[in-house]
Every structure is written in structure tokens, then in C-alpha cells.
Amino acid sequence: MEIKEILAKVKELKEIEQRAKEARRELEKKLFESVEKPEDGKPLWLDEETKIVWRNEVTIPQKVGKIWLERNPELAKRIFSLTVKPKISEISKLERTLYLEEELPPWMKDFETLKKEIKIVEKPQLQFIKNEEVEDDE
């Protein structure tokens, strides 16, 4: 097989993957729209090896994140990953620190203001369970 033939096959497979991904996204969207999240917040089992779990996803516009990185690097370093994606675990930890009413470090002064700019969106995620291991299907 020549290089051009291999390249053509690779491109063809890449296009098939893209179409399959898009079709899967659309089907999952329909599925998520047709089910309700359980009130107890637990996963919703669809069959023996498939469940929907609801995960929180946090985002902030890159531009705003970079402003915060310049304004208060110590706080931003704790809240954001390197891609300026907020770290939900760190936000929760800092929130608990606020409620302890201890003396806060100077970099915490902007925490509440920054938190107002971060959006937390809960999104469902389909998971397939095989042989006791979870396969996130992203």
C-alpha cells in the first residue's frame, strides 16, 4: 500500500469517526432529555451495564480567567488548572475555609468576587460498566 493510499484511508476513517461522534452526541442528547435526574442525586441505571451520572462542570471565560490570574495570582493558582479551568475541589475547600471564620490569607480577599464569575453546570454522563470497571464514554 502506498503512502497516499494509507493517507486516504486514514482521512476516510477520521471522517467516519467524526460522523459517528456527532451521531452519538445527538443520540445522547435525546436520551438525556428523555430522562429525569433522580431526586436523591444517585446514578440512573438504564440496564445492567449502563448508567447516567450527573457531574458538575465548571467554566469561566478564558479572558476573565486571565484577568484574575494577573490580579490575584495566588488565588487563581489555587482555583484554576493551567488551562484556566476552575478546580471544583479547590473551590469547595476554600468555601469551607471561609465558614471556619479563621483569619484569611490576603489572596482570599477576592474569592467571593471571583466565584461569582464561575459557572457550575451539572451535565449528565453516560457510563458503561464492564467487569467491575467504569468506562466513561466521552
C-alpha atoms as a PDB file:
ATOM      1  CA  MET A   1       0.000   0.000   0.000  1.00  0.00           C
ATOM      2  CA  GLU A   2       1.372   3.396  -0.966  1.00  0.00           C
ATOM      3  CA  ILE A   3       1.595   6.365   1.375  1.00  0.00           C
ATOM      4  CA  LYS A   4      -1.170   8.209  -0.499  1.00  0.00           C
ATOM      5  CA  GLU A   5      -3.482   5.205  -0.202  1.00  0.00           C
ATOM      6  CA  ILE A   6      -2.775   4.902   3.526  1.00  0.00           C
ATOM      7  CA  LEU A   7      -3.339   8.617   3.975  1.00  0.00           C
ATOM      8  CA  ALA A   8      -6.625   8.432   2.090  1.00  0.00           C
ATOM      9  CA  LYS A   9      -7.764   5.543   4.342  1.00  0.00           C
ATOM     10  CA  VAL A  10      -6.758   7.463   7.470  1.00  0.00           C
ATOM     11  CA  LYS A  11      -8.703  10.532   6.288  1.00  0.00           C
ATOM     12  CA  GLU A  12     -11.712   8.366   5.473  1.00  0.00           C
ATOM     13  CA  LEU A  13     -11.636   6.772   8.929  1.00  0.00           C
ATOM     14  CA  LYS A  14     -11.268  10.196  10.546  1.00  0.00           C
ATOM     15  CA  GLU A  15     -14.403  11.402   8.717  1.00  0.00           C
ATOM     16  CA  ILE A  16     -16.291   8.256   9.775  1.00  0.00           C
ATOM     17  CA  GLU A  17     -15.202   8.837  13.396  1.00  0.00           C
ATOM     18  CA  GLN A  18     -16.411  12.445  13.248  1.00  0.00           C
ATOM     19  CA  ARG A  19     -19.807  11.443  11.860  1.00  0.00           C
ATOM     20  CA  ALA A  20     -20.117   8.665  14.446  1.00  0.00           C
ATOM     21  CA  LYS A  21     -19.189  11.059  17.281  1.00  0.00           C
ATOM     22  CA  GLU A  22     -21.733  13.615  16.106  1.00  0.00           C
ATOM     23  CA  ALA A  23     -24.448  10.959  15.756  1.00  0.00           C
ATOM     24  CA  ARG A  24     -23.613   9.664  19.235  1.00  0.00           C
ATOM     25  CA  ARG A  25     -23.764  13.197  20.715  1.00  0.00           C
ATOM     26  CA  GLU A  26     -27.196  13.716  19.176  1.00  0.00           C
ATOM     27  CA  LEU A  27     -28.490  10.364  20.469  1.00  0.00           C
ATOM     28  CA  GLU A  28     -27.098  11.022  23.941  1.00  0.00           C
ATOM     29  CA  LYS A  29     -28.684  14.474  23.927  1.00  0.00           C
ATOM     30  CA  LYS A  30     -32.064  12.893  23.120  1.00  0.00           C
ATOM     31  CA  LEU A  31     -31.505  10.282  25.827  1.00  0.00           C
ATOM     32  CA  PHE A  32     -30.583  12.889  28.468  1.00  0.00           C
ATOM     33  CA  GLU A  33     -33.607  14.985  27.513  1.00  0.00           C
ATOM     34  CA  SER A  34     -35.925  11.980  27.887  1.00  0.00           C
ATOM     35  CA  VAL A  35     -34.882  11.044  31.444  1.00  0.00           C
ATOM     36  CA  GLU A  36     -35.112  12.890  34.719  1.00  0.00           C
ATOM     37  CA  LYS A  37     -32.359  13.081  37.287  1.00  0.00           C
ATOM     38  CA  PRO A  38     -33.329  11.069  40.371  1.00  0.00           C
ATOM     39  CA  GLU A  39     -34.219  13.276  43.331  1.00  0.00           C
ATOM     40  CA  ASP A  40     -31.640  11.515  45.505  1.00  0.00           C
ATOM     41  CA  GLY A  41     -28.918  12.512  43.011  1.00  0.00           C
ATOM     42  CA  LYS A  42     -27.748   8.938  42.528  1.00  0.00           C
ATOM     43  CA  PRO A  43     -26.922   7.451  39.116  1.00  0.00           C
ATOM     44  CA  LEU A  44     -29.815   6.338  36.942  1.00  0.00           C
ATOM     45  CA  TRP A  45     -29.282   2.761  35.758  1.00  0.00           C
ATOM     46  CA  LEU A  46     -30.607   2.156  32.241  1.00  0.00           C
ATOM     47  CA  ASP A  47     -29.658  -1.522  32.111  1.00  0.00           C
ATOM     48  CA  GLU A  48     -27.202  -3.895  33.778  1.00  0.00           C
ATOM     49  CA  GLU A  49     -24.122  -2.165  32.443  1.00  0.00           C
ATOM     50  CA  THR A  50     -25.206   1.368  31.562  1.00  0.00           C
ATOM     51  CA  LYS A  51     -25.945   4.270  33.837  1.00  0.00           C
ATOM     52  CA  ILE A  52     -26.241   8.034  33.681  1.00  0.00           C
ATOM     53  CA  VAL A  53     -24.370  10.019  36.301  1.00  0.00           C
ATOM     54  CA  TRP A  54     -24.661  13.767  36.737  1.00  0.00           C
ATOM     55  CA  ARG A  55     -21.338  15.576  37.072  1.00  0.00           C
ATOM     56  CA  ASN A  56     -20.641  19.233  37.718  1.00  0.00           C
ATOM     57  CA  GLU A  57     -18.571  21.014  35.136  1.00  0.00           C
ATOM     58  CA  VAL A  58     -17.113  24.405  35.994  1.00  0.00           C
ATOM     59  CA  THR A  59     -16.127  27.012  33.427  1.00  0.00           C
ATOM     60  CA  ILE A  60     -15.047  30.615  33.230  1.00  0.00           C
ATOM     61  CA  PRO A  61     -14.301  32.627  30.080  1.00  0.00           C
ATOM     62  CA  GLN A  62     -10.564  32.435  29.301  1.00  0.00           C
ATOM     63  CA  LYS A  63     -10.341  36.222  29.131  1.00  0.00           C
ATOM     64  CA  VAL A  64     -11.830  36.622  32.612  1.00  0.00           C
ATOM     65  CA  GLY A  65      -9.630  33.834  33.984  1.00  0.00           C
ATOM     66  CA  LYS A  66      -6.503  35.523  32.686  1.00  0.00           C
ATOM     67  CA  ILE A  67      -7.559  38.815  34.282  1.00  0.00           C
ATOM     68  CA  TRP A  68      -7.889  37.019  37.609  1.00  0.00           C
ATOM     69  CA  LEU A  69      -4.530  35.341  37.077  1.00  0.00           C
ATOM     70  CA  GLU A  70      -2.921  38.771  36.737  1.00  0.00           C
ATOM     71  CA  ARG A  71      -4.993  40.404  39.501  1.00  0.00           C
ATOM     72  CA  ASN A  72      -4.526  37.754  42.177  1.00  0.00           C
ATOM     73  CA  PRO A  73      -2.082  35.028  41.074  1.00  0.00           C
ATOM     74  CA  GLU A  74      -2.081  33.203  44.423  1.00  0.00           C
ATOM     75  CA  LEU A  75      -5.870  32.766  44.448  1.00  0.00           C
ATOM     76  CA  ALA A  76      -6.011  31.998  40.723  1.00  0.00           C
ATOM     77  CA  LYS A  77      -3.263  29.388  41.069  1.00  0.00           C
ATOM     78  CA  ARG A  78      -5.396  27.565  43.631  1.00  0.00           C
ATOM     79  CA  ILE A  79      -8.701  27.827  41.744  1.00  0.00           C
ATOM     80  CA  PHE A  80      -7.608  27.273  38.143  1.00  0.00           C
ATOM     81  CA  SER A  81      -5.792  24.493  36.370  1.00  0.00           C
ATOM     82  CA  LEU A  82      -3.127  25.505  33.869  1.00  0.00           C
ATOM     83  CA  THR A  83      -5.807  25.942  31.218  1.00  0.00           C
ATOM     84  CA  VAL A  84      -7.576  28.442  33.493  1.00  0.00           C
ATOM     85  CA  LYS A  85     -10.290  25.901  34.162  1.00  0.00           C
ATOM     86  CA  PRO A  86     -11.664  26.268  37.675  1.00  0.00           C
ATOM     87  CA  LYS A  87     -10.941  23.386  40.053  1.00  0.00           C
ATOM     88  CA  ILE A  88     -14.212  22.470  41.733  1.00  0.00           C
ATOM     89  CA  SER A  89     -12.480  20.612  44.578  1.00  0.00           C
ATOM     90  CA  GLU A  90     -10.363  23.666  45.425  1.00  0.00           C
ATOM     91  CA  ILE A  91     -13.385  25.966  45.281  1.00  0.00           C
ATOM     92  CA  SER A  92     -15.193  23.697  47.752  1.00  0.00           C
ATOM     93  CA  LYS A  93     -12.165  23.589  50.031  1.00  0.00           C
ATOM     94  CA  LEU A  94     -11.829  27.387  50.014  1.00  0.00           C
ATOM     95  CA  GLU A  95     -15.563  27.777  50.679  1.00  0.00           C
ATOM     96  CA  ARG A  96     -15.186  25.580  53.776  1.00  0.00           C
ATOM     97  CA  THR A  97     -12.238  27.737  54.871  1.00  0.00           C
ATOM     98  CA  LEU A  98     -14.453  30.828  54.668  1.00  0.00           C
ATOM     99  CA  TYR A  99     -17.013  29.287  57.009  1.00  0.00           C
ATOM    100  CA  LEU A 100     -14.404  28.450  59.650  1.00  0.00           C
ATOM    101  CA  GLU A 101     -14.129  32.210  60.271  1.00  0.00           C
ATOM    102  CA  GLU A 102     -10.396  31.992  60.783  1.00  0.00           C
ATOM    103  CA  GLU A 103      -8.104  34.768  59.670  1.00  0.00           C
ATOM    104  CA  LEU A 104      -7.870  34.522  55.898  1.00  0.00           C
ATOM    105  CA  PRO A 105      -4.716  34.995  53.844  1.00  0.00           C
ATOM    106  CA  PRO A 106      -4.620  38.238  51.806  1.00  0.00           C
ATOM    107  CA  TRP A 107      -5.103  36.455  48.473  1.00  0.00           C
ATOM    108  CA  MET A 108      -8.549  35.192  49.671  1.00  0.00           C
ATOM    109  CA  LYS A 109      -9.998  38.728  49.644  1.00  0.00           C
ATOM    110  CA  ASP A 110     -11.187  38.307  46.048  1.00  0.00           C
ATOM    111  CA  PHE A 111     -12.568  34.777  46.407  1.00  0.00           C
ATOM    112  CA  GLU A 112     -16.276  35.691  46.587  1.00  0.00           C
ATOM    113  CA  THR A 113     -15.969  38.115  43.660  1.00  0.00           C
ATOM    114  CA  LEU A 114     -14.167  35.535  41.518  1.00  0.00           C
ATOM    115  CA  LYS A 115     -16.670  32.846  42.499  1.00  0.00           C
ATOM    116  CA  LYS A 116     -19.500  34.975  41.056  1.00  0.00           C
ATOM    117  CA  GLU A 117     -17.842  34.790  37.627  1.00  0.00           C
ATOM    118  CA  ILE A 118     -17.510  31.000  37.636  1.00  0.00           C
ATOM    119  CA  LYS A 119     -20.402  28.947  36.294  1.00  0.00           C
ATOM    120  CA  ILE A 120     -21.081  25.479  37.667  1.00  0.00           C
ATOM    121  CA  VAL A 121     -23.152  23.412  35.247  1.00  0.00           C
ATOM    122  CA  GLU A 122     -24.259  19.895  36.042  1.00  0.00           C
ATOM    123  CA  LYS A 123     -24.099  17.652  32.998  1.00  0.00           C
ATOM    124  CA  PRO A 124     -25.183  14.037  32.627  1.00  0.00           C
ATOM    125  CA  GLN A 125     -22.618  11.480  31.543  1.00  0.00           C
ATOM    126  CA  LEU A 126     -23.321   8.031  30.148  1.00  0.00           C
ATOM    127  CA  GLN A 127     -21.198   5.267  31.688  1.00  0.00           C
ATOM    128  CA  PHE A 128     -20.841   1.637  30.637  1.00  0.00           C
ATOM    129  CA  ILE A 129     -19.876  -0.826  33.352  1.00  0.00           C
ATOM    130  CA  LYS A 130     -17.876  -3.900  32.368  1.00  0.00           C
ATOM    131  CA  ASN A 131     -16.116  -6.343  34.692  1.00  0.00           C
ATOM    132  CA  GLU A 132     -16.290  -4.035  37.720  1.00  0.00           C
ATOM    133  CA  GLU A 133     -14.586  -1.133  35.993  1.00  0.00           C
ATOM    134  CA  VAL A 134     -16.207   2.100  34.882  1.00  0.00           C
ATOM    135  CA  GLU A 135     -15.742   3.161  31.310  1.00  0.00           C
ATOM    136  CA  ASP A 136     -16.512   6.885  30.934  1.00  0.00           C
ATOM    137  CA  ASP A 137     -17.852   7.348  27.473  1.00  0.00           C
ATOM    138  CA  GLU A 138     -16.685  10.812  26.457  1.00  0.00           C
END
